[in-house]
Amino acid sequence: MHIAKYISVIIASTIKFVGGPLSGVTLGLTWPETAICTTLGMMLSVVVVTYAGAALQALWQRYRPSTSKRFTKRTRLAIRIWKRAGMAGIALLTPLILTPIGGTIIAISFGVKRGQLLLYMFVSSVLWAVVQTLAFYQIPGLKGIFG
């Protein structure tokens, strides 16, 4: 049933963006279906983290008694990206490097307004969903690996 395939692609791309195009190809969806489901998956995680961020942070602090290091390799990378390219840089790198959840958390930590965050992440997810999906659909034999 197609609905189960769509849900699989959406769930795969909520955690790691590249999982959406890979799942779509292997499940035999068309590239537009895969790109749309991949975008929906990323935006689902962005919306959940954006609107439930304060509650998730409070829950995290409750069960994590010790404070972590303030400057790590990851935080330095995030600061470097923010200083060079701002929200556009964070949004463009989210599907490639940062994961939908990680990119959203970084944007929230820099105080980006919800509307701006959702817009930038949506544009980035549509762009990268189309690019990555078309790229994966060009790899010969990928459809036959899992199916």
Protein backbone atom coordinates (compact mmCIF):
# COMPACT_ATOMS: atom_id res chain seq x y z
CA MET A 1 0.00 0.00 0.00
CA HIS A 2 1.33 3.43 -0.96
CA ILE A 3 0.43 5.09 2.36
CA ALA A 4 2.81 2.80 4.25
CA LYS A 5 5.58 3.63 1.78
CA TYR A 6 4.94 7.35 2.18
CA ILE A 7 5.00 7.08 5.96
CA SER A 8 8.27 5.12 5.80
CA VAL A 9 9.94 7.85 3.76
CA ILE A 10 8.57 10.59 6.03
CA ILE A 11 9.80 8.83 9.18
CA ALA A 12 13.21 8.11 7.64
CA SER A 13 13.73 11.77 6.80
CA THR A 14 12.66 13.11 10.20
CA ILE A 15 15.82 11.77 11.83
CA LYS A 16 18.35 11.86 8.97
CA PHE A 17 17.40 13.72 5.81
CA VAL A 18 19.22 11.42 3.41
CA GLY A 19 17.09 8.52 4.67
CA GLY A 20 14.10 9.91 2.80
CA PRO A 21 15.51 9.78 -0.73
CA LEU A 22 17.16 6.42 -0.07
CA SER A 23 13.92 4.96 1.24
CA GLY A 24 11.88 6.38 -1.61
CA VAL A 25 14.15 4.90 -4.26
CA THR A 26 14.27 1.48 -2.64
CA LEU A 27 10.49 1.40 -2.07
CA GLY A 28 9.84 2.19 -5.73
CA LEU A 29 8.18 5.58 -5.33
CA THR A 30 8.41 8.16 -8.10
CA TRP A 31 10.91 10.96 -7.57
CA PRO A 32 8.25 13.64 -6.96
CA GLU A 33 6.57 11.43 -4.33
CA THR A 34 9.92 10.84 -2.68
CA ALA A 35 10.86 14.53 -2.71
CA ILE A 36 7.49 15.56 -1.23
CA CYS A 37 7.62 12.91 1.51
CA THR A 38 11.22 13.80 2.33
CA THR A 39 10.28 17.47 2.67
CA LEU A 40 7.30 16.55 4.86
CA GLY A 41 9.53 14.43 7.10
CA MET A 42 12.08 17.16 7.65
CA MET A 43 9.41 19.78 8.25
CA LEU A 44 7.63 17.47 10.71
CA SER A 45 10.72 17.28 12.88
CA VAL A 46 11.41 21.02 12.48
CA VAL A 47 7.86 21.92 13.59
CA VAL A 48 7.91 19.51 16.53
CA VAL A 49 11.28 20.74 17.78
CA THR A 50 10.35 24.38 17.19
CA TYR A 51 7.08 24.28 19.09
CA ALA A 52 7.99 21.71 21.71
CA GLY A 53 11.55 22.99 22.15
CA ALA A 54 11.08 24.60 25.56
CA ALA A 55 9.40 21.52 26.99
CA LEU A 56 12.05 19.22 25.51
CA GLN A 57 14.83 21.40 26.92
CA ALA A 58 13.28 21.35 30.39
CA LEU A 59 12.94 17.57 30.21
CA TRP A 60 16.54 17.23 29.05
CA GLN A 61 17.81 19.41 31.92
CA ARG A 62 15.79 17.43 34.45
CA TYR A 63 17.42 14.11 33.58
CA ARG A 64 20.87 15.46 32.87
CA PRO A 65 22.19 16.66 36.22
CA SER A 66 25.67 17.78 35.18
CA THR A 67 26.29 20.67 32.86
CA SER A 68 28.11 19.90 29.64
CA LYS A 69 31.10 21.70 28.20
CA ARG A 70 30.11 25.03 26.71
CA PHE A 71 32.50 24.94 23.73
CA THR A 72 32.92 21.71 21.83
CA LYS A 73 33.80 21.01 18.21
CA ARG A 74 30.09 21.03 17.38
CA THR A 75 29.34 24.33 19.08
CA ARG A 76 32.36 25.97 17.46
CA LEU A 77 31.19 24.73 14.05
CA ALA A 78 27.69 26.09 14.67
CA ILE A 79 29.06 29.48 15.72
CA ARG A 80 31.33 29.61 12.67
CA ILE A 81 28.40 28.83 10.33
CA TRP A 82 26.19 31.38 12.09
CA LYS A 83 28.79 34.15 11.86
CA ARG A 84 29.50 33.51 8.17
CA ALA A 85 26.04 32.82 6.77
CA GLY A 86 23.40 33.32 9.48
CA MET A 87 20.11 31.46 9.32
CA ALA A 88 20.51 30.79 5.60
CA GLY A 89 23.74 28.88 6.26
CA ILE A 90 22.21 26.85 9.07
CA ALA A 91 19.19 26.00 6.90
CA LEU A 92 21.27 25.04 3.86
CA LEU A 93 23.55 22.77 5.88
CA THR A 94 20.79 21.17 7.95
CA PRO A 95 19.85 18.43 5.45
CA LEU A 96 23.47 17.70 4.57
CA ILE A 97 25.38 17.80 7.84
CA LEU A 98 23.33 18.88 10.84
CA THR A 99 20.18 16.67 10.62
CA PRO A 100 16.70 18.24 10.82
CA ILE A 101 16.61 18.08 14.62
CA GLY A 102 20.18 19.36 15.08
CA GLY A 103 19.79 22.26 12.67
CA THR A 104 16.55 23.33 14.31
CA ILE A 105 18.08 23.21 17.78
CA ILE A 106 21.02 25.33 16.61
CA ALA A 107 18.71 27.91 15.02
CA ILE A 108 16.57 28.09 18.16
CA SER A 109 19.67 28.51 20.32
CA PHE A 110 20.66 31.57 18.25
CA GLY A 111 17.22 33.09 18.86
CA VAL A 112 15.77 32.83 15.36
CA LYS A 113 12.06 33.64 15.27
CA ARG A 114 9.72 30.73 14.53
CA GLY A 115 8.35 32.15 11.29
CA GLN A 116 11.79 32.82 9.86
CA LEU A 117 13.07 29.44 11.00
CA LEU A 118 10.16 27.58 9.38
CA LEU A 119 10.48 29.52 6.12
CA TYR A 120 14.23 28.99 5.76
CA MET A 121 14.01 25.32 6.71
CA PHE A 122 11.14 24.76 4.28
CA VAL A 123 13.02 26.33 1.36
CA SER A 124 16.13 24.34 2.24
CA SER A 125 14.22 21.07 2.58
CA VAL A 126 12.49 21.49 -0.79
CA LEU A 127 15.78 22.35 -2.50
CA TRP A 128 17.76 19.47 -1.01
CA ALA A 129 14.90 16.98 -1.32
CA VAL A 130 14.74 17.56 -5.06
CA VAL A 131 18.54 17.56 -5.51
CA GLN A 132 19.20 14.47 -3.40
CA THR A 133 16.21 12.55 -4.73
CA LEU A 134 17.17 13.17 -8.35
CA ALA A 135 20.76 12.20 -7.55
CA PHE A 136 19.74 8.91 -5.94
CA TYR A 137 17.37 8.09 -8.78
CA GLN A 138 20.32 8.36 -11.17
CA ILE A 139 22.35 5.66 -9.41
CA PRO A 140 21.97 2.52 -11.52
CA GLY A 141 20.81 -0.59 -9.70
CA LEU A 142 19.84 1.19 -6.47
CA LYS A 143 16.17 0.21 -6.84
CA GLY A 144 17.07 -3.48 -6.96
CA ILE A 145 19.30 -3.58 -3.88
CA PHE A 146 16.58 -3.87 -1.23
CA GLY A 147 13.49 -4.76 -3.26
